[in-house]
Structures are given as C-alpha cells and as structure tokens.
Amino acid sequence: METPSLFKRCVAEGIGTALLVLIGAGTAAFNGILTSSNNEPTSLADIGVISFAFAIVVMAMIYTIGKFTGCHINPAVTVALASTGHFPWKEVPSYLFAQCVGGVLGAFGIVVVLGMDGVLLGNLGATVLAPTTGYIQGIVIEAIAAFILMFVIMGIGVDSRAPKEWGGLIIGLTVGGIIMLVAGSTGASFNPARTFGPYVVDSILGGNINWIQLPIYIIGPLMGAIAAAFTYGLIASSRVSVVSNETSQNEVVK
C-alpha cells in the first residue's frame, strides 16, 4: 500500500489528537461539571471512567489511523521516535503542528458538546497540579508516566518481534492504567498536545488556566518518552527494527 503524503498523514494526526482531547478530556470536563454541580469531590470511580474514555479513544485511533500515520497523537511520542531513528526528523515539525492544532480543535469540540459549563465548571478537562504536588515533582511524575507509555510503545509497536495486532489494545489499556495512577497528582497528561489544546481554548473563553504550569506538561513527557525509547533500545540491542511510516502500523500514542 502506498504511503499517504505527509499532508494527509498530518491531517489524520490532527484528527486523531482532536478526538483524543474531545473524548478523553471531554469526559474529564463532564465529570468536572457533575462534581461542581453536586459539590462533591472527584472519586476514584470518576477517575476510572475518565481513564476508560482515554483508553477507548486511543485504541480506536491506533486501529484507525495507525496503519498509515503511526498514530503518535502525542508530541512526546513523535520526538522520542525521531530521537532513536524510528521517525524522520524532517517530518517532526509537521506532526507536532498537526497534533497541537488537533488539540485545540478537540477542546473547541468539548465546548460544542458541553457548552460554557464545560469551560467554567469543567475547565475543558485541562490538566493542573494538585495543591500538594510541587512543580519539580510534577515534571518528574509526568516524565514517569510518559516513560511507561513510551516503553510499552517501543515493545509492542516498534519491536519487530511484537504481535502488532495487539498493539492498540495493550497501548490503550496502558494509557488508562497510567491515568488511574497519576491523575490525582498532575491530571495525567503525559501528552503536550492534550494539555495545550484545553489551555488555549480555556484562555480564549475565559476559563481559569495557570499557564506557568504548561512547561511541566512539555518537559516531563519529552524527558520521559525519550528516556524510555533509548532505554528500550539498549535493552533490546540490535533486535529492535528501525521502522518508518512505510512499514510501521503501530507507532502510537495518547
């Protein structure tokens, strides 16, 4: 099968990221509306539902667009793959731009679905640090989350020995599990585009966003994903195949 042009792949990456934000962050925003209206704190059950929403959309996007874009839908994944020679650097800026635009469009989609309550009560599912989580601690937590995700991606999506047909399920469930673990401390982004979109739209529409926290959700995921890609490469040695968009079906996200 002929590989689609870079433009078409970027459109698909943008759509994939938009749907990730719409469904995943949108579910978080809806939960925010419910908890605010009922004056109740977010429970572990609520986090479980949000995690499941992210897991579902990640799985769907991997099986839908992974066959021709790699389904990164996460700038940290794109940069980590490029850093280890599994994705061409010349295509990185286009992918990052598409993912960030997709994140913004997905956040606007949340407004369409939930209205201004999604902004004012649900904060569009924007990720923020818990009051007890420090700035550096937040970076480390986001790095750990991205490390786990990227390590799994390398093992199931890049390593030629892996059963590729299971990639979407395994990576999607990994995303859900990570969110259950770290949502309470950082909001569980480990994806700069997933945070960037709601931040931008929230700010435009009068939401409450602390932009000083944005670097946490950029630095942490990039550090963690790059470290995981190199770590897996060292462990697997020469047994990891160098793949490109022409041959990879599951170089994926969140």
Protein backbone atom coordinates (compact mmCIF):
# COMPACT_ATOMS: atom_id res chain seq x y z
CA MET A 1 0.00 0.00 0.00
CA GLU A 2 1.33 3.38 -0.98
CA THR A 3 2.01 5.66 1.97
CA PRO A 4 -0.17 8.81 2.01
CA SER A 5 1.54 12.16 1.63
CA LEU A 6 2.89 13.98 4.67
CA PHE A 7 -0.01 16.44 4.44
CA LYS A 8 -2.60 13.66 4.56
CA ARG A 9 -0.82 11.95 7.42
CA CYS A 10 -0.72 15.23 9.34
CA VAL A 11 -4.44 15.73 8.77
CA ALA A 12 -5.02 12.26 10.21
CA GLU A 13 -2.73 13.02 13.17
CA GLY A 14 -4.66 16.23 13.79
CA ILE A 15 -7.99 14.39 13.70
CA GLY A 16 -6.66 11.68 15.99
CA THR A 17 -5.41 14.20 18.53
CA ALA A 18 -8.64 16.18 18.31
CA LEU A 19 -10.68 13.07 19.08
CA LEU A 20 -8.33 12.17 21.93
CA VAL A 21 -8.99 15.56 23.53
CA LEU A 22 -12.69 15.61 22.69
CA ILE A 23 -13.44 12.19 24.15
CA GLY A 24 -10.78 11.93 26.86
CA ALA A 25 -10.52 15.49 28.16
CA GLY A 26 -14.20 15.98 27.34
CA THR A 27 -15.12 13.17 29.73
CA ALA A 28 -12.95 14.80 32.38
CA ALA A 29 -14.72 18.12 31.77
CA PHE A 30 -18.14 16.49 32.05
CA ASN A 31 -17.09 14.92 35.33
CA GLY A 32 -15.99 18.37 36.48
CA ILE A 33 -19.46 19.72 35.73
CA LEU A 34 -21.11 16.92 37.69
CA THR A 35 -18.84 17.22 40.73
CA SER A 36 -19.17 21.03 40.77
CA SER A 37 -22.95 20.89 40.46
CA ASN A 38 -23.25 18.32 43.24
CA ASN A 39 -20.49 19.91 45.33
CA GLU A 40 -18.70 16.58 45.56
CA PRO A 41 -15.01 15.71 45.19
CA THR A 42 -13.76 13.58 42.34
CA SER A 43 -13.71 9.92 43.34
CA LEU A 44 -11.53 7.05 42.21
CA ALA A 45 -14.56 5.72 40.32
CA ASP A 46 -14.72 9.02 38.41
CA ILE A 47 -11.04 8.71 37.52
CA GLY A 48 -11.70 5.15 36.36
CA VAL A 49 -14.38 6.34 33.94
CA ILE A 50 -12.11 9.07 32.58
CA SER A 51 -9.27 6.57 32.21
CA PHE A 52 -11.55 4.21 30.30
CA ALA A 53 -12.60 7.02 27.96
CA PHE A 54 -8.96 7.75 27.12
CA ALA A 55 -8.21 4.04 26.70
CA ILE A 56 -11.12 3.62 24.27
CA VAL A 57 -10.20 6.54 22.04
CA VAL A 58 -6.51 5.61 21.98
CA MET A 59 -7.37 2.07 20.93
CA ALA A 60 -9.75 3.35 18.26
CA MET A 61 -7.23 5.78 16.81
CA ILE A 62 -4.43 3.20 16.70
CA TYR A 63 -6.56 0.80 14.69
CA THR A 64 -8.00 3.60 12.55
CA ILE A 65 -5.01 5.75 11.55
CA GLY A 66 -2.05 3.79 12.88
CA LYS A 67 -1.66 1.89 9.64
CA PHE A 68 -0.51 4.99 7.77
CA THR A 69 0.48 7.69 10.30
CA GLY A 70 1.85 5.54 13.11
CA CYS A 71 -0.83 7.19 15.29
CA HIS A 72 1.52 9.16 17.50
CA ILE A 73 -1.13 11.75 18.52
CA ASN A 74 1.39 12.90 21.13
CA PRO A 75 4.37 15.21 20.51
CA ALA A 76 6.43 13.34 23.10
CA VAL A 77 6.00 10.09 21.17
CA THR A 78 6.96 11.76 17.89
CA VAL A 79 10.12 13.33 19.32
CA ALA A 80 11.12 10.12 21.12
CA LEU A 81 10.74 8.06 17.94
CA ALA A 82 12.78 10.61 15.97
CA SER A 83 15.45 10.69 18.69
CA THR A 84 16.03 6.97 18.28
CA GLY A 85 15.90 6.88 14.49
CA HIS A 86 12.41 5.45 14.17
CA PHE A 87 10.87 8.54 12.59
CA PRO A 88 12.39 11.14 10.21
CA TRP A 89 13.32 14.42 11.89
CA LYS A 90 12.29 16.37 8.80
CA GLU A 91 8.66 15.35 9.43
CA VAL A 92 8.66 16.12 13.15
CA PRO A 93 7.66 19.83 12.90
CA SER A 94 4.68 18.97 10.69
CA TYR A 95 3.50 16.25 13.06
CA LEU A 96 3.89 18.49 16.12
CA PHE A 97 1.98 21.31 14.47
CA ALA A 98 -0.83 18.96 13.43
CA GLN A 99 -1.07 17.49 16.93
CA CYS A 100 -1.24 20.89 18.61
CA VAL A 101 -3.86 22.15 16.16
CA GLY A 102 -5.80 18.95 16.74
CA GLY A 103 -5.64 19.51 20.49
CA VAL A 104 -7.12 22.98 20.08
CA LEU A 105 -9.88 21.75 17.75
CA GLY A 106 -10.71 18.95 20.16
CA ALA A 107 -11.03 21.45 23.00
CA PHE A 108 -13.39 23.57 20.92
CA GLY A 109 -15.34 20.38 20.31
CA ILE A 110 -15.80 19.99 24.06
CA VAL A 111 -17.37 23.45 24.14
CA VAL A 112 -19.76 22.45 21.36
CA VAL A 113 -20.83 19.37 23.32
CA LEU A 114 -20.88 20.75 26.88
CA GLY A 115 -21.39 24.46 26.30
CA MET A 116 -19.86 27.10 28.55
CA ASP A 117 -20.32 24.83 31.57
CA GLY A 118 -17.54 22.79 30.06
CA VAL A 119 -15.32 25.85 30.30
CA LEU A 120 -16.43 27.42 33.56
CA LEU A 121 -17.15 24.26 35.57
CA GLY A 122 -15.29 21.53 33.73
CA ASN A 123 -12.29 23.67 32.71
CA LEU A 124 -12.32 21.66 29.44
CA GLY A 125 -10.57 18.85 31.27
CA ALA A 126 -7.37 20.91 31.49
CA THR A 127 -4.58 19.30 33.47
CA VAL A 128 -3.39 21.07 36.62
CA LEU A 129 -1.21 20.13 39.55
CA ALA A 130 -2.86 19.04 42.77
CA PRO A 131 -2.30 21.52 45.62
CA THR A 132 0.06 19.02 47.26
CA THR A 133 2.14 18.43 44.11
CA GLY A 134 5.24 20.60 43.67
CA TYR A 135 6.46 21.97 40.35
CA ILE A 136 9.54 19.75 40.01
CA GLN A 137 7.59 16.82 41.40
CA GLY A 138 5.01 17.38 38.67
CA ILE A 139 7.68 17.25 35.98
CA VAL A 140 9.05 14.01 37.42
CA ILE A 141 5.58 12.43 37.63
CA GLU A 142 4.77 13.38 34.05
CA ALA A 143 8.16 12.01 32.97
CA ILE A 144 7.43 8.70 34.71
CA ALA A 145 4.02 8.48 33.05
CA ALA A 146 5.48 9.17 29.61
CA PHE A 147 8.30 6.70 30.25
CA ILE A 148 5.81 3.91 30.96
CA LEU A 149 3.79 4.72 27.85
CA MET A 150 6.79 5.00 25.54
CA PHE A 151 8.42 1.86 26.93
CA VAL A 152 5.27 -0.08 26.05
CA ILE A 153 5.09 1.55 22.63
CA MET A 154 8.65 0.51 21.89
CA GLY A 155 7.93 -3.03 22.97
CA ILE A 156 4.61 -3.62 21.24
CA GLY A 157 4.61 -1.03 18.44
CA VAL A 158 8.22 -0.81 17.27
CA ASP A 159 9.95 -4.09 18.10
CA SER A 160 9.57 -6.37 15.06
CA ARG A 161 9.06 -9.41 17.32
CA ALA A 162 5.88 -7.98 18.88
CA PRO A 163 2.37 -9.19 17.90
CA LYS A 164 1.22 -5.99 16.18
CA GLU A 165 -2.45 -6.97 16.17
CA TRP A 166 -2.47 -6.49 19.95
CA GLY A 167 -0.83 -3.08 19.85
CA GLY A 168 -3.94 -0.94 20.07
CA LEU A 169 -5.45 -2.88 22.96
CA ILE A 170 -2.26 -3.02 25.00
CA ILE A 171 -1.29 0.61 24.50
CA GLY A 172 -4.83 1.85 25.10
CA LEU A 173 -5.09 -0.07 28.36
CA THR A 174 -1.66 1.18 29.38
CA VAL A 175 -2.85 4.75 28.89
CA GLY A 176 -5.88 4.05 31.07
CA GLY A 177 -3.76 2.49 33.79
CA ILE A 178 -1.32 5.40 33.85
CA ILE A 179 -4.17 7.87 34.21
CA MET A 180 -5.56 5.95 37.18
CA LEU A 181 -2.15 6.20 38.82
CA VAL A 182 -1.21 9.86 38.31
CA ALA A 183 -4.48 11.73 37.66
CA GLY A 184 -4.69 12.79 41.28
CA SER A 185 -1.29 14.47 41.27
CA THR A 186 -0.87 16.07 37.82
CA GLY A 187 -4.11 15.42 35.97
CA ALA A 188 -2.29 12.74 33.95
CA SER A 189 -1.44 14.39 30.66
CA PHE A 190 1.90 12.89 29.53
CA ASN A 191 0.99 14.48 26.19
CA PRO A 192 1.83 18.15 25.49
CA ALA A 193 -0.88 18.49 22.81
CA ARG A 194 -3.55 17.11 25.15
CA THR A 195 -2.72 19.86 27.66
CA PHE A 196 -2.07 22.63 25.13
CA GLY A 197 -5.49 22.44 23.45
CA PRO A 198 -7.66 22.93 26.55
CA TYR A 199 -5.25 25.60 27.85
CA VAL A 200 -5.63 27.67 24.69
CA VAL A 201 -9.41 27.37 24.39
CA ASP A 202 -9.99 27.84 28.12
CA SER A 203 -7.97 31.06 27.98
CA ILE A 204 -9.85 32.34 24.92
CA LEU A 205 -13.25 31.68 26.50
CA GLY A 206 -12.50 32.97 29.99
CA GLY A 207 -11.59 29.78 31.83
CA ASN A 208 -9.16 29.60 34.71
CA ILE A 209 -5.75 28.50 33.40
CA ASN A 210 -2.38 28.80 35.11
CA TRP A 211 -0.02 28.99 32.12
CA ILE A 212 3.04 28.79 34.35
CA GLN A 213 2.29 25.07 34.70
CA LEU A 214 2.41 24.38 30.94
CA PRO A 215 6.18 23.63 30.91
CA ILE A 216 5.52 20.75 33.31
CA TYR A 217 3.41 19.08 30.64
CA ILE A 218 6.02 19.64 27.96
CA ILE A 219 9.32 19.00 29.73
CA GLY A 220 8.18 15.98 31.71
CA PRO A 221 6.65 14.00 28.83
CA LEU A 222 9.54 14.76 26.48
CA MET A 223 12.12 13.68 29.05
CA GLY A 224 10.26 10.51 29.95
CA ALA A 225 9.46 9.43 26.40
CA ILE A 226 12.98 10.00 25.10
CA ALA A 227 14.48 8.16 28.08
CA ALA A 228 12.13 5.21 27.53
CA ALA A 229 12.93 4.96 23.82
CA PHE A 230 16.67 4.88 24.46
CA THR A 231 16.30 2.52 27.42
CA TYR A 232 14.29 0.02 25.40
CA GLY A 233 16.79 0.27 22.57
CA LEU A 234 19.64 -0.55 24.93
CA ILE A 235 17.81 -3.48 26.46
CA ALA A 236 16.67 -4.93 23.14
CA SER A 237 20.02 -4.18 21.47
CA SER A 238 20.10 -4.88 17.75
CA ARG A 239 16.87 -6.87 17.87
CA VAL A 240 14.77 -3.70 17.52
CA SER A 241 13.96 -2.99 13.89
CA VAL A 242 14.32 0.55 12.59
CA VAL A 243 10.93 1.31 11.07
CA SER A 244 9.38 4.17 9.19
CA ASN A 245 5.87 5.22 8.30
CA GLU A 246 6.09 2.96 5.27
CA THR A 247 6.43 -0.17 7.43
CA SER A 248 5.07 0.60 10.90
CA GLN A 249 1.42 0.20 11.77
CA ASN A 250 1.50 0.83 15.48
CA GLU A 251 4.00 3.56 16.40
CA VAL A 252 1.37 5.15 18.54
CA VAL A 253 0.29 7.31 21.31
CA LYS A 254 -2.07 9.03 23.99
